[in-house]
Structures are given as C-alpha cells and as structure tokens.
Protein backbone atom coordinates (compact mmCIF):
# COMPACT_ATOMS: atom_id res chain seq x y z
CA UNK A 1 12.77 -26.82 23.23
CA UNK A 2 15.13 -23.95 22.50
CA UNK A 3 14.04 -20.58 21.23
CA UNK A 4 15.29 -19.19 18.28
CA UNK A 5 15.01 -15.51 17.40
CA UNK A 6 14.51 -14.64 13.87
CA UNK A 7 14.22 -11.06 12.39
CA UNK A 8 14.02 -9.57 8.75
CA UNK A 9 17.14 -10.43 6.84
CA UNK A 10 17.80 -13.99 8.36
CA UNK A 11 18.08 -16.94 5.96
CA UNK A 12 15.66 -19.82 6.83
CA UNK A 13 14.08 -23.05 5.64
CA UNK A 14 10.49 -22.50 5.29
CA UNK A 15 7.73 -25.21 4.72
CA UNK A 16 4.61 -24.53 2.66
CA UNK A 17 1.88 -27.00 3.35
CA UNK A 18 2.60 -30.39 2.35
CA UNK A 19 5.77 -29.39 0.24
CA UNK A 20 9.32 -30.20 1.28
CA UNK A 21 11.16 -27.58 3.41
CA UNK A 22 12.60 -24.77 0.83
CA UNK A 23 15.33 -22.17 1.36
CA UNK A 24 14.23 -18.68 1.68
CA UNK A 25 14.88 -15.12 3.27
CA UNK A 26 12.71 -13.24 5.58
CA UNK A 27 12.20 -9.85 4.23
CA UNK A 28 9.96 -6.74 4.86
CA UNK A 29 6.33 -7.41 3.18
CA UNK A 30 4.80 -4.72 0.87
CA UNK A 31 3.07 -1.95 3.00
CA UNK A 32 -0.32 -2.63 1.43
CA UNK A 33 -0.16 -6.50 2.33
CA UNK A 34 -1.92 -7.26 5.55
CA UNK A 35 -0.18 -9.94 8.06
CA UNK A 36 -2.38 -12.72 8.73
CA UNK A 37 -4.22 -12.92 11.81
CA UNK A 38 -3.45 -15.81 14.43
CA UNK A 39 0.11 -17.32 15.27
CA UNK A 40 2.97 -15.38 14.55
CA UNK A 41 4.54 -15.27 11.10
CA UNK A 42 7.20 -14.06 8.99
CA UNK A 43 7.04 -12.96 5.32
CA UNK A 44 9.52 -15.09 3.34
CA UNK A 45 10.94 -14.88 -0.17
CA UNK A 46 12.11 -18.34 -1.65
CA UNK A 47 15.29 -18.66 -3.39
CA UNK A 48 14.97 -20.17 -7.01
CA UNK A 49 11.55 -19.25 -7.60
CA UNK A 50 9.42 -15.92 -7.71
CA UNK A 51 7.56 -16.80 -4.55
CA UNK A 52 6.67 -14.90 -1.37
CA UNK A 53 4.67 -16.08 1.34
CA UNK A 54 3.58 -15.44 4.90
CA UNK A 55 5.12 -18.59 7.08
CA UNK A 56 4.11 -19.53 10.43
CA UNK A 57 7.08 -19.32 12.87
CA UNK A 58 6.91 -23.22 13.78
CA UNK A 59 7.38 -23.83 10.04
CA UNK A 60 10.72 -22.01 10.12
CA UNK A 61 14.09 -23.18 10.72
CA UNK A 62 17.33 -21.11 10.43
CA UNK A 63 19.20 -21.86 7.35
CA UNK A 64 22.56 -22.88 8.39
CA UNK A 65 22.35 -25.20 11.42
CA UNK A 66 19.79 -27.49 9.26
CA UNK A 67 21.48 -26.97 5.74
CA UNK A 68 23.19 -30.43 5.79
CA UNK A 69 20.12 -32.56 6.91
CA UNK A 70 17.87 -30.56 4.59
CA UNK A 71 20.39 -31.35 1.65
CA UNK A 72 20.21 -35.03 2.57
CA UNK A 73 16.43 -35.27 2.37
CA UNK A 74 15.86 -33.27 -0.77
CA UNK A 75 17.59 -34.36 -3.96
CA UNK A 76 15.61 -32.70 -6.76
CA UNK A 77 17.41 -30.53 -9.51
CA UNK A 78 15.27 -27.39 -8.62
CA UNK A 79 16.04 -27.81 -4.97
CA UNK A 80 19.83 -27.95 -5.67
CA UNK A 81 19.48 -24.78 -7.98
CA UNK A 82 17.83 -23.00 -4.94
CA UNK A 83 20.55 -23.95 -2.60
CA UNK A 84 22.93 -22.82 -5.24
CA UNK A 85 21.28 -19.36 -5.35
CA UNK A 86 21.33 -19.23 -1.53
CA UNK A 87 25.21 -19.66 -1.70
CA UNK A 88 25.54 -17.29 -4.58
CA UNK A 89 23.87 -14.69 -2.38
CA UNK A 90 25.93 -15.31 0.75
CA UNK A 91 29.20 -15.13 -1.57
CA UNK A 92 27.70 -11.61 -2.93
CA UNK A 93 27.04 -10.67 0.57
CA UNK A 94 30.67 -11.57 1.96
CA UNK A 95 32.05 -9.84 -0.84
CA UNK A 96 30.18 -6.55 0.04
CA UNK A 97 30.86 -6.85 3.66
CA UNK A 98 34.63 -7.11 2.91
CA UNK A 99 34.61 -4.16 0.49
CA UNK A 100 32.64 -1.99 3.14
CA UNK A 101 35.00 -3.04 5.81
CA UNK A 102 37.89 -2.07 3.78
CA UNK A 103 36.42 1.31 2.85
CA UNK A 104 35.60 2.02 6.53
CA UNK A 105 39.19 1.38 7.65
CA UNK A 106 40.35 3.70 4.97
CA UNK A 107 38.06 6.58 5.83
CA UNK A 108 38.80 5.99 9.73
CA UNK A 109 42.33 6.46 9.11
CA UNK A 110 41.83 9.60 6.90
CA UNK A 111 39.58 10.92 9.67
CA UNK A 112 41.96 10.30 12.37
CA UNK A 113 44.77 12.13 10.53
CA UNK A 114 42.13 15.14 9.91
CA UNK A 115 41.30 15.26 13.60
CA UNK A 116 44.86 15.30 14.80
CA UNK A 117 45.72 18.21 12.39
CA UNK A 118 42.37 19.95 13.50
CA UNK A 119 43.28 19.39 17.13
CA UNK A 120 46.51 21.17 16.70
CA UNK A 121 45.09 23.87 14.84
CA UNK A 122 42.39 24.52 17.40
CA UNK A 123 45.05 24.62 20.42
CA UNK A 124 47.08 27.27 18.39
CA UNK A 125 43.85 29.21 17.58
CA UNK A 126 42.53 29.15 21.51
CA UNK A 127 46.25 30.51 22.57
CA UNK A 128 46.09 33.28 19.93
CA UNK A 129 42.57 34.45 20.87
CA UNK A 130 42.87 34.64 24.77
CA UNK A 131 43.70 38.34 24.89
CA UNK A 132 40.81 39.22 22.43
CA UNK A 133 38.42 37.26 24.66
CA UNK A 134 39.48 38.99 27.80
CA UNK A 135 38.87 42.43 26.14
CA UNK A 136 35.52 41.66 24.52
CA UNK A 137 32.24 42.93 25.60
CA UNK A 138 29.73 40.54 27.00
CA UNK A 139 27.76 40.31 23.82
CA UNK A 140 30.74 39.42 21.98
CA UNK A 141 31.79 36.85 24.44
CA UNK A 142 28.45 35.17 23.82
CA UNK A 143 29.12 34.94 20.16
CA UNK A 144 32.42 33.36 20.55
CA UNK A 145 31.36 30.89 23.23
CA UNK A 146 31.24 27.27 22.22
CA UNK A 147 28.52 26.46 19.99
CA UNK A 148 25.98 23.49 19.62
CA UNK A 149 27.26 21.15 17.14
CA UNK A 150 25.87 21.51 13.62
CA UNK A 151 25.02 18.94 10.73
CA UNK A 152 28.35 17.14 10.15
CA UNK A 153 30.09 17.18 6.82
CA UNK A 154 28.75 14.86 4.01
CA UNK A 155 31.60 12.31 4.29
CA UNK A 156 31.29 12.44 8.22
CA UNK A 157 27.79 11.72 8.18
CA UNK A 158 28.18 8.49 5.85
CA UNK A 159 30.45 7.10 8.13
CA UNK A 160 28.59 7.57 11.39
CA UNK A 161 25.14 6.86 9.44
CA UNK A 162 25.45 4.21 6.77
CA UNK A 163 22.51 3.51 4.43
CA UNK A 164 19.50 2.01 5.83
CA UNK A 165 19.45 -1.64 5.55
CA UNK A 166 16.59 -3.98 4.65
CA UNK A 167 15.89 -4.58 8.42
CA UNK A 168 12.91 -2.44 9.07
CA UNK A 169 11.50 -4.52 12.07
CA UNK A 170 12.71 -7.66 14.16
CA UNK A 171 10.48 -10.53 15.42
CA UNK A 172 10.98 -13.55 17.39
CA UNK A 173 9.48 -16.96 17.88
CA UNK A 174 9.78 -20.34 18.84
CA UNK A 175 10.92 -22.73 16.16
CA UNK A 176 10.12 -26.42 16.72
CA UNK A 177 12.52 -29.25 16.65
CA UNK A 178 13.94 -30.90 13.41
CA UNK A 179 10.46 -32.64 12.92
CA UNK A 180 8.14 -30.19 11.23
CA UNK A 181 4.42 -29.61 12.30
CA UNK A 182 2.30 -31.66 10.16
CA UNK A 183 -0.50 -29.16 10.05
CA UNK A 184 0.37 -26.86 6.91
CA UNK A 185 1.79 -23.79 8.36
CA UNK A 186 1.51 -21.15 5.58
CA UNK A 187 -0.84 -18.33 5.48
CA UNK A 188 -0.28 -16.47 2.10
CA UNK A 189 -0.80 -13.29 0.40
CA UNK A 190 -0.52 -11.98 -3.04
CA UNK A 191 2.94 -11.01 -4.24
CA UNK A 192 4.26 -13.14 -7.13
CA UNK A 193 2.86 -13.93 -10.76
CA UNK A 194 1.88 -17.32 -9.31
CA UNK A 195 -1.25 -17.02 -6.98
CA UNK A 196 -3.17 -19.45 -5.08
CA UNK A 197 -6.74 -17.94 -4.02
CA UNK A 198 -9.03 -19.63 -1.65
CA UNK A 199 -12.11 -18.90 0.55
CA UNK A 200 -11.55 -17.89 4.26
CA UNK A 201 -13.49 -19.35 6.94
CA UNK A 202 -15.51 -16.23 7.14
CA UNK A 203 -16.68 -16.82 3.59
CA UNK A 204 -14.56 -14.04 2.06
CA UNK A 205 -12.03 -14.48 -0.58
CA UNK A 206 -8.44 -13.80 -0.11
CA UNK A 207 -5.56 -14.39 -2.40
CA UNK A 208 -2.59 -16.04 -1.45
CA UNK A 209 0.99 -16.70 -3.26
CA UNK A 210 2.19 -20.10 -3.92
CA UNK A 211 3.85 -22.22 -6.60
CA UNK A 212 3.54 -25.70 -6.77
CA UNK A 213 6.57 -26.06 -9.03
CA UNK A 214 8.78 -24.77 -6.18
CA UNK A 215 9.51 -28.41 -5.41
CA UNK A 216 9.10 -29.96 -8.98
CA UNK A 217 12.25 -31.53 -8.72
CA UNK A 218 11.60 -33.44 -5.76
CA UNK A 219 8.08 -34.61 -5.84
CA UNK A 220 6.84 -37.29 -3.28
CA UNK A 221 3.99 -39.00 -5.12
CA UNK A 222 0.74 -39.54 -3.00
CA UNK A 223 -0.05 -43.31 -1.95
CA UNK A 224 -3.49 -42.71 -3.05
CA UNK A 225 -4.67 -44.60 -6.08
CA UNK A 226 -5.20 -42.21 -8.92
CA UNK A 227 -7.76 -42.82 -11.63
CA UNK A 228 -7.80 -40.86 -15.10
CA UNK A 229 -10.48 -40.70 -17.74
CA UNK A 230 -9.84 -39.08 -21.10
CA UNK A 231 -6.68 -39.43 -23.03
CA UNK A 232 -6.89 -36.70 -25.45
CA UNK A 233 -4.31 -33.88 -26.16
CA UNK A 234 -4.08 -32.85 -22.77
CA UNK A 235 -4.78 -35.89 -20.73
CA UNK A 236 -2.13 -37.98 -22.30
CA UNK A 237 0.38 -35.70 -21.14
CA UNK A 238 -0.95 -35.50 -17.74
CA UNK A 239 -0.99 -39.07 -17.34
CA UNK A 240 2.55 -39.54 -18.73
CA UNK A 241 3.64 -37.15 -16.11
CA UNK A 242 1.78 -38.68 -13.06
CA UNK A 243 3.47 -41.88 -14.23
CA UNK A 244 6.95 -40.39 -14.61
CA UNK A 245 6.59 -38.95 -10.98
CA UNK A 246 5.76 -42.40 -9.62
CA UNK A 247 1.90 -42.21 -9.27
CA UNK A 248 -0.13 -45.28 -9.13
CA UNK A 249 -2.62 -44.71 -12.21
CA UNK A 250 -5.44 -46.63 -13.78
CA UNK A 251 -6.69 -45.29 -17.13
CA UNK A 252 -9.69 -45.27 -19.13
CA UNK A 253 -10.45 -43.85 -22.48
CA UNK A 254 -13.55 -44.01 -24.90
CA UNK A 255 -11.20 -45.21 -27.69
CA UNK A 256 -9.17 -48.14 -25.74
CA UNK A 257 -6.33 -48.44 -28.06
CA UNK A 258 -5.18 -45.00 -26.59
CA UNK A 259 -4.43 -46.76 -23.14
CA UNK A 260 -2.02 -49.09 -24.63
CA UNK A 261 1.16 -46.94 -24.47
CA UNK A 262 0.39 -46.10 -20.77
CA UNK A 263 -0.21 -49.57 -19.80
CA UNK A 264 3.16 -50.40 -21.15
CA UNK A 265 4.51 -47.50 -18.73
CA UNK A 266 2.99 -49.12 -15.76
CA UNK A 267 -0.71 -47.87 -15.81
CA UNK A 268 -3.39 -50.24 -15.28
CA UNK A 269 -6.55 -50.41 -17.33
CA UNK A 270 -9.96 -49.69 -16.36
CA UNK A 271 -13.03 -51.24 -18.22
CA UNK A 272 -15.38 -48.68 -17.54
CA UNK A 273 -15.41 -45.22 -15.92
CA UNK A 274 -17.46 -46.77 -12.98
CA UNK A 275 -14.87 -49.27 -12.27
CA UNK A 276 -11.93 -46.70 -12.29
CA UNK A 277 -13.79 -44.75 -9.72
CA UNK A 278 -14.65 -47.68 -7.66
CA UNK A 279 -11.24 -48.78 -7.41
CA UNK A 280 -9.30 -45.55 -7.15
CA UNK A 281 -9.10 -43.00 -4.31
CA UNK A 282 -9.01 -39.91 -6.68
CA UNK A 283 -10.26 -40.03 -9.99
CA UNK A 284 -9.26 -37.09 -12.75
CA UNK A 285 -11.44 -36.66 -15.85
CA UNK A 286 -10.44 -34.46 -18.91
CA UNK A 287 -12.83 -34.65 -21.87
CA UNK A 288 -13.82 -32.43 -24.81
CA UNK A 289 -16.90 -30.53 -23.64
CA UNK A 290 -19.97 -30.12 -21.43
CA UNK A 291 -21.97 -33.01 -22.87
CA UNK A 292 -19.00 -35.37 -22.86
CA UNK A 293 -18.49 -34.45 -19.13
CA UNK A 294 -21.94 -35.05 -18.36
CA UNK A 295 -22.15 -38.33 -20.35
CA UNK A 296 -18.98 -39.56 -18.51
CA UNK A 297 -20.51 -38.89 -15.26
CA UNK A 298 -24.28 -39.65 -15.77
CA UNK A 299 -24.24 -42.34 -18.72
CA UNK A 300 -24.22 -46.30 -18.25
CA UNK A 301 -21.17 -47.44 -16.55
CA UNK A 302 -20.31 -43.94 -15.59
CA UNK A 303 -18.77 -42.35 -12.66
CA UNK A 304 -21.80 -41.94 -10.72
CA UNK A 305 -22.22 -45.59 -10.39
CA UNK A 306 -18.78 -45.82 -8.83
CA UNK A 307 -19.12 -43.13 -6.30
CA UNK A 308 -19.46 -43.92 -2.49
CA UNK A 309 -18.56 -42.03 0.37
CA UNK A 310 -15.10 -40.83 0.35
CA UNK A 311 -14.22 -41.43 -3.12
CA UNK A 312 -12.83 -38.29 -4.87
CA UNK A 313 -13.66 -36.84 -8.29
CA UNK A 314 -11.72 -33.88 -10.07
CA UNK A 315 -13.16 -32.56 -13.35
CA UNK A 316 -10.32 -30.94 -15.43
CA UNK A 317 -12.69 -30.22 -18.50
CA UNK A 318 -13.25 -26.68 -19.73
CA UNK A 319 -17.05 -26.44 -19.17
CA UNK A 320 -19.66 -23.94 -18.16
CA UNK A 321 -20.30 -23.01 -14.56
CA UNK A 322 -23.80 -24.62 -14.56
CA UNK A 323 -22.45 -27.84 -15.77
CA UNK A 324 -19.86 -28.11 -12.93
CA UNK A 325 -22.24 -27.15 -10.56
CA UNK A 326 -24.55 -30.16 -11.50
CA UNK A 327 -21.82 -32.47 -11.49
CA UNK A 328 -20.68 -31.45 -8.20
CA UNK A 329 -24.17 -31.90 -6.79
CA UNK A 330 -24.52 -35.37 -8.10
CA UNK A 331 -21.16 -36.49 -6.92
CA UNK A 332 -21.35 -34.90 -3.33
CA UNK A 333 -25.12 -36.17 -2.90
CA UNK A 334 -23.58 -39.81 -2.83
CA UNK A 335 -21.07 -38.67 -0.38
CA UNK A 336 -18.24 -38.14 -2.72
CA UNK A 337 -15.91 -35.14 -2.69
CA UNK A 338 -15.42 -32.85 -5.69
CA UNK A 339 -13.13 -30.44 -7.36
CA UNK A 340 -13.06 -28.66 -10.58
CA UNK A 341 -9.69 -28.07 -11.98
CA UNK A 342 -9.61 -27.04 -15.70
CA UNK A 343 -6.26 -26.41 -16.94
CA UNK A 344 -4.57 -23.59 -18.85
CA UNK A 345 -2.26 -24.71 -21.51
CA UNK A 346 -1.66 -26.87 -24.66
CA UNK A 347 -0.55 -30.32 -25.58
CA UNK A 348 3.13 -29.28 -25.54
CA UNK A 349 2.65 -27.73 -22.25
CA UNK A 350 1.13 -30.79 -21.18
CA UNK A 351 3.62 -33.04 -22.14
CA UNK A 352 6.12 -30.89 -20.44
CA UNK A 353 4.37 -30.75 -17.20
CA UNK A 354 3.88 -26.96 -17.37
CA UNK A 355 0.20 -26.46 -17.38
CA UNK A 356 -1.56 -23.94 -15.00
CA UNK A 357 -4.38 -25.49 -13.02
CA UNK A 358 -7.22 -23.49 -11.65
CA UNK A 359 -9.26 -25.36 -9.04
CA UNK A 360 -12.29 -24.73 -6.73
CA UNK A 361 -14.50 -26.74 -4.55
CA UNK A 362 -13.29 -29.06 -1.86
CA UNK A 363 -9.99 -27.42 -0.52
CA UNK A 364 -8.91 -30.54 1.37
CA UNK A 365 -9.15 -32.46 -2.00
CA UNK A 366 -7.21 -29.82 -3.64
CA UNK A 367 -4.35 -30.31 -0.96
CA UNK A 368 -4.64 -34.04 -1.36
CA UNK A 369 -4.14 -33.38 -5.04
CA UNK A 370 -1.06 -31.65 -4.38
CA UNK A 371 1.76 -34.01 -5.60
CA UNK A 372 -0.52 -34.85 -8.83
CA UNK A 373 -0.92 -31.01 -9.45
CA UNK A 374 3.08 -30.69 -9.13
CA UNK A 375 3.39 -33.45 -11.62
CA UNK A 376 1.29 -32.17 -14.18
CA UNK A 377 1.72 -28.37 -13.87
CA UNK A 378 3.97 -25.46 -13.25
CA UNK A 379 1.63 -23.78 -10.81
CA UNK A 380 -2.06 -24.22 -9.50
CA UNK A 381 -4.50 -21.68 -8.06
CA UNK A 382 -7.51 -22.29 -5.71
CA UNK A 383 -10.45 -20.13 -6.47
CA UNK A 384 -12.84 -21.03 -3.67
CA UNK A 385 -16.15 -22.16 -4.40
CA UNK A 386 -17.42 -24.32 -7.36
CA UNK A 387 -17.98 -22.63 -10.21
CA UNK A 388 -15.11 -20.17 -9.94
CA UNK A 389 -12.63 -22.12 -11.77
CA UNK A 390 -15.07 -22.71 -14.88
CA UNK A 391 -15.60 -19.17 -14.87
CA UNK A 392 -12.05 -17.89 -15.00
CA UNK A 393 -11.22 -20.44 -17.50
CA UNK A 394 -13.66 -19.45 -19.83
CA UNK A 395 -12.38 -15.78 -19.59
CA UNK A 396 -8.89 -16.82 -20.00
CA UNK A 397 -9.78 -18.60 -23.33
CA UNK A 398 -11.90 -15.90 -24.42
CA UNK A 399 -8.81 -13.60 -24.32
CA UNK A 400 -6.74 -16.24 -25.74
CA UNK A 401 -8.96 -17.02 -28.63
CA UNK A 402 -9.69 -13.36 -29.49
CA UNK A 403 -5.88 -12.78 -29.52
CA UNK A 404 -5.22 -15.52 -32.12
CA UNK A 405 -7.83 -14.31 -34.26
CA UNK A 406 -6.65 -10.78 -34.25
CA UNK A 407 -2.99 -12.20 -34.97
CA UNK A 408 -4.41 -14.04 -37.82
CA UNK A 409 -6.05 -10.94 -39.10
CA UNK A 410 -3.05 -8.85 -38.79
CA UNK A 411 -0.73 -11.40 -40.88
CA UNK A 412 -3.49 -11.69 -43.72
CA UNK A 413 -3.77 -7.76 -43.85
CA UNK A 414 -0.18 -7.56 -43.88
CA UNK A 415 0.01 -9.84 -46.91
CA UNK A 416 -2.60 -8.33 -48.92
CA UNK A 417 -1.33 -4.78 -48.52
CA UNK A 418 2.17 -5.85 -49.65
CA UNK A 419 3.96 -6.02 -46.47
CA UNK A 420 6.11 -8.89 -45.24
CA UNK A 421 4.71 -11.41 -42.78
CA UNK A 422 7.83 -12.29 -41.53
CA UNK A 423 8.86 -8.70 -40.94
CA UNK A 424 5.51 -8.21 -39.01
CA UNK A 425 6.28 -11.11 -36.86
CA UNK A 426 9.87 -9.96 -36.15
CA UNK A 427 8.34 -6.44 -35.30
CA UNK A 428 5.85 -7.95 -32.81
CA UNK A 429 8.54 -10.29 -31.29
CA UNK A 430 10.73 -7.23 -30.51
CA UNK A 431 7.91 -5.26 -28.90
CA UNK A 432 5.58 -5.72 -25.78
CA UNK A 433 3.51 -8.37 -27.11
CA UNK A 434 6.33 -10.61 -27.55
CA UNK A 435 5.73 -14.04 -26.17
CA UNK A 436 6.50 -17.75 -26.64
CA UNK A 437 2.65 -18.38 -27.90
CA UNK A 438 2.80 -15.44 -30.61
CA UNK A 439 6.07 -16.66 -31.95
CA UNK A 440 5.13 -20.44 -32.11
CA UNK A 441 1.66 -19.56 -33.68
CA UNK A 442 2.97 -17.13 -36.11
CA UNK A 443 5.68 -19.55 -37.23
CA UNK A 444 3.11 -22.44 -37.61
CA UNK A 445 0.78 -20.03 -39.80
CA UNK A 446 4.04 -19.10 -41.90
CA UNK A 447 4.99 -22.80 -42.23
CA UNK A 448 1.56 -23.78 -42.94
CA UNK A 449 1.68 -26.16 -40.13
CA UNK A 450 -1.61 -26.62 -38.31
CA UNK A 451 -1.00 -29.86 -36.39
CA UNK A 452 -3.29 -29.59 -33.31
CA UNK A 453 -1.79 -28.19 -30.09
CA UNK A 454 -5.21 -26.92 -29.02
CA UNK A 455 -8.14 -27.89 -31.11
CA UNK A 456 -9.64 -24.95 -32.99
CA UNK A 457 -13.14 -26.64 -32.18
CA UNK A 458 -12.29 -26.53 -28.53
CA UNK A 459 -11.23 -22.74 -28.53
CA UNK A 460 -14.63 -21.91 -30.40
CA UNK A 461 -16.40 -23.83 -27.94
CA UNK A 462 -14.93 -21.96 -25.06
CA UNK A 463 -15.62 -18.91 -26.97
CA UNK A 464 -19.40 -19.67 -27.29
CA UNK A 465 -19.67 -20.79 -23.64
CA UNK A 466 -17.79 -17.40 -22.56
CA UNK A 467 -20.23 -15.31 -24.64
CA UNK A 468 -23.20 -17.28 -23.13
CA UNK A 469 -21.89 -16.58 -19.49
CA UNK A 470 -21.45 -12.67 -20.34
CA UNK A 471 -24.84 -12.87 -21.71
CA UNK A 472 -26.24 -14.64 -18.33
CA UNK A 473 -24.91 -11.47 -16.41
CA UNK A 474 -25.77 -8.85 -19.07
CA UNK A 475 -22.20 -8.25 -19.86
CA UNK A 476 -21.22 -7.22 -23.54
CA UNK A 477 -18.79 -9.58 -25.24
CA UNK A 478 -18.54 -7.84 -28.80
CA UNK A 479 -14.84 -8.64 -29.29
CA UNK A 480 -15.02 -12.34 -28.26
CA UNK A 481 -18.53 -12.59 -30.44
CA UNK A 482 -16.62 -11.24 -33.62
CA UNK A 483 -13.81 -13.95 -32.93
CA UNK A 484 -16.29 -16.44 -32.49
CA UNK A 485 -17.76 -15.67 -35.94
CA UNK A 486 -14.23 -16.19 -37.69
CA UNK A 487 -13.64 -19.43 -35.82
CA UNK A 488 -17.10 -20.52 -36.98
CA UNK A 489 -16.30 -19.87 -40.67
CA UNK A 490 -12.81 -21.69 -40.09
CA UNK A 491 -14.86 -24.76 -38.80
CA UNK A 492 -17.12 -24.32 -41.85
CA UNK A 493 -13.85 -24.76 -43.93
CA UNK A 494 -13.22 -28.26 -42.25
CA UNK A 495 -10.47 -26.57 -39.87
CA UNK A 496 -11.96 -28.12 -36.65
CA UNK A 497 -9.29 -30.84 -35.92
CA UNK A 498 -6.38 -28.72 -36.77
CA UNK A 499 -4.88 -26.31 -34.43
CA UNK A 500 -6.45 -23.12 -33.29
CA UNK A 501 -4.05 -21.13 -35.27
CA UNK A 502 -5.68 -22.39 -38.45
CA UNK A 503 -8.22 -19.69 -37.84
CA UNK A 504 -5.72 -18.03 -40.23
CA UNK A 505 -7.38 -19.86 -43.17
CA UNK A 506 -10.74 -18.28 -42.58
CA UNK A 507 -9.14 -15.07 -43.83
CA UNK A 508 -7.81 -16.33 -46.86
CA UNK A 509 -10.82 -18.30 -48.33
C-alpha cells in the first residue's frame, strides 16, 4: 500500500462517517481547537458547504488522482456544485500563480539591471578611494572596512521573502486504497454554523461540526424498513421526502384518510401503531404534545405492544424532558432502541426537506437514521443523553414564540401611533433583525393570512413547557411568561388552529 504524504493546502476527498466522499481542502485549524486524540487526522474545509471537520487520514484521498472515479459514483446536484467550486478555486489559484510569476520575472530583470549598475559604481568607488585608505589612521580604517549586511530595502525583501502562505505545518499519513474504511472516520470539532454534539466515551460532552445536507443531492436510502406515525403539518412533509428519496415507508395516522395520498406515492398502510413497529426496523413518530406521544406508545395497540429486542423507535414530537425519559425507559425495557429527535421548522420547511433535527439518546441509532435525516432536514445535531434534545427544543421554541409575540406587539403599536406598518417592516428588513421568518410572518399579518405553518396552539404549548422547565431548575423566565399570556389570549379568541403569527389578533381585540 503506497504512502501518500498530505499537508496543509492539499485538495482531498474526505469521507464523513456513512456519507459519500466529498471534496475539501486541508487547512489550519483555529488556535483554540484541540486536535482529537488517537489516530492521525487533518482539519478539512469542505467545498460547497460551510463545514469543517477533523478527518482521520485513512478517510482521505488526494483530489486529482481520484477525481474521475468519485464523479462516476456521485451524481447529485449538490455534489456537482461542490466539484465546480473546486475547479473554480483551482482556476483562481492558477491565475494568481501566473500573475505572481510574471511579476517576479519583471522584478528580477529590474534588480539585475540595478545590480549591474551598482557593481560598476562600486568598482569606480574602490579605485578612487585606494589612496585615502592607505593614508587613513587605524580607527578610520575600521570605520571604512566591509560592514555586515543591513536590512534589505523593502522591494528587495518582498522578492526574497514572499508573503506567508496558509501552510503553517505539514503532516503525513498512509491513505488507504480506493476502498474506504467502513468504520466512520471523522472526529469532529466546532467550527461552522451547523453543529453536531455528542457524548464522548468518557461521559463528557464535546461539540462536533457536521452537515447532513452536504450530500443531500446524492442520498443513498437505507435498506431498513421505515415506519412513520403521525401525518400532521410536520409529519406529512417528512414522509413525502422519505418517499421521494427512495425509502421504504409504512404509515399510520389517527385519521386514516390522511394516509391515502402517501399510499398513492408508494407507502404501505399500517392498521395500528403496534403493527407498524412490529413490521418495520425503525419507526418515527411526530404528534402534537406529551399526552398524544404517551398515548401512542402506551395506549391500546400502541407502540409498546410492537416493540421487541432490536426494534428502533424515534420520537420526533416536541415534548418535555420527563415525557421523553419515560418513553425511553419503557422502550428500552423491552429491548428496543430509543432516540429522541424533535425538529425545528415549519410546514414549509418540512415540505422542502429543510428541517433542523435535534437528536439525543442511542448514538448508533442516530447514525442508522442518517439517510432519513438527510431526506427530511438540512442539518442534524446529536446532543448526547436522552432529554437533552427536548430541553434544547423547548428553549429554541421559547425564543421563537417570544420573538413572534414581540413583533406582533411592535406592529400593533406602530398602527395605533399612526406609523406605517409596512414602513416598520421595511426598516426591520434592512437591519440586523432581517430574516426570512420575520419577513414571512409580518407579510402574513399585513395580508391577514393566518393559514397554519406552525400552529399557534403548539407554540403556546411549547412556551408553557419551557416555563415549567425553568421552574423545575429555579430559573426565571419572565419574558416567556409574558408571551405565554398573549398566546393564551389569542387562543381564547379562537386562534388555536391558525398560524402562530395570529398572536397579532390578541393585540387588536
């Protein structure tokens, strides 16, 4: 097996776990980022994404020798965009090198002419000063003797000492043959906006960068049979994307008619949650609240009746930490494997396959679900032990709900003080608070369009659960409590089944 020497600045193919090889460049890691212990690895920045990761050397291959082979086995749109980004990088690099070469030649010629003239002048100077040197005193002779070379002129220094490159250190390692190692070869650390957090064997928590959408254009669906329980706003979009990406899916919903569309698209129908779980290898559920989640598992013909050793259950509902701990306990007590994976997003993001998945629990099950998470989301995070994902999800939705209530308050205050709501929105959209969420929700309010993208009753439920979580650890949540009261008023005005932006109506009635 040949030894390939790699160094910072090299272009490579890097393999992240079970994902296909992806083009990247070895770069210097940030100073405060520790290198993982164990096998030799390099810090790689991937093209076409915002991802950086520590990659073990056996999971790296030089870019150019393997380019054609990689292009043959990966045909996705995002993959092709990444390859195009590499070629654009190389084109710009060649342009810089050519410009630098031409500049160096011109400077070299100029310096050569300068040195020739200087040599002639020095010769004449030495000839004219001979008599002076002979008649000088010893002290004077020392002053005129050859001196040590001083600091070169600025132009000369730039020629002899070019600007430092990005190469700060070099490393080498043995790269495996064309067959990649089957064991996931990445040990990752925090760098990009997309993070994946997991528990180390020591029990401590470390943060790792990853982006499950780096290969969203070339998903290889798992051969495991997938079950899905709950076809609401989120679940419907998730199942549609699982089917679109080639997964084998069995569905169940309390209102059976919602299953018809997915049956037409190739899904199988499960008569009960127990049947789905007993038939499938991995079953996901996404329902409205803690009570619905527990009823689904513990009720008649429920999930628990279908669980046996090796069966996997993934709870995607937004529930409180105590509920998810209870569900984990009953599933694992029957020999099942459990993962919580609530999702951050909306109906539109679910339909677009752009959800953010927060997972915790069985790490190997998280890895087994990788193709499913790629199909339904733009990124996924692993947060360690059961309960962590529920906590993080409630915190996120607490902020989300409070923000929407504040925007509604601002819009109505603008109206009653004679200010243009449209101008208010325009100003926000040009400032630091600009976001797709802000623009979409405000436009909905101005148009009076409250078609649900995220139910108001659900965001109020999340605020209530977040406040209770704060109480359990004696942490004040006054902003969330105030927002919760506004949503409760909106519910009293019959806005529960409208979009969360209908909280606006709590201020105008």
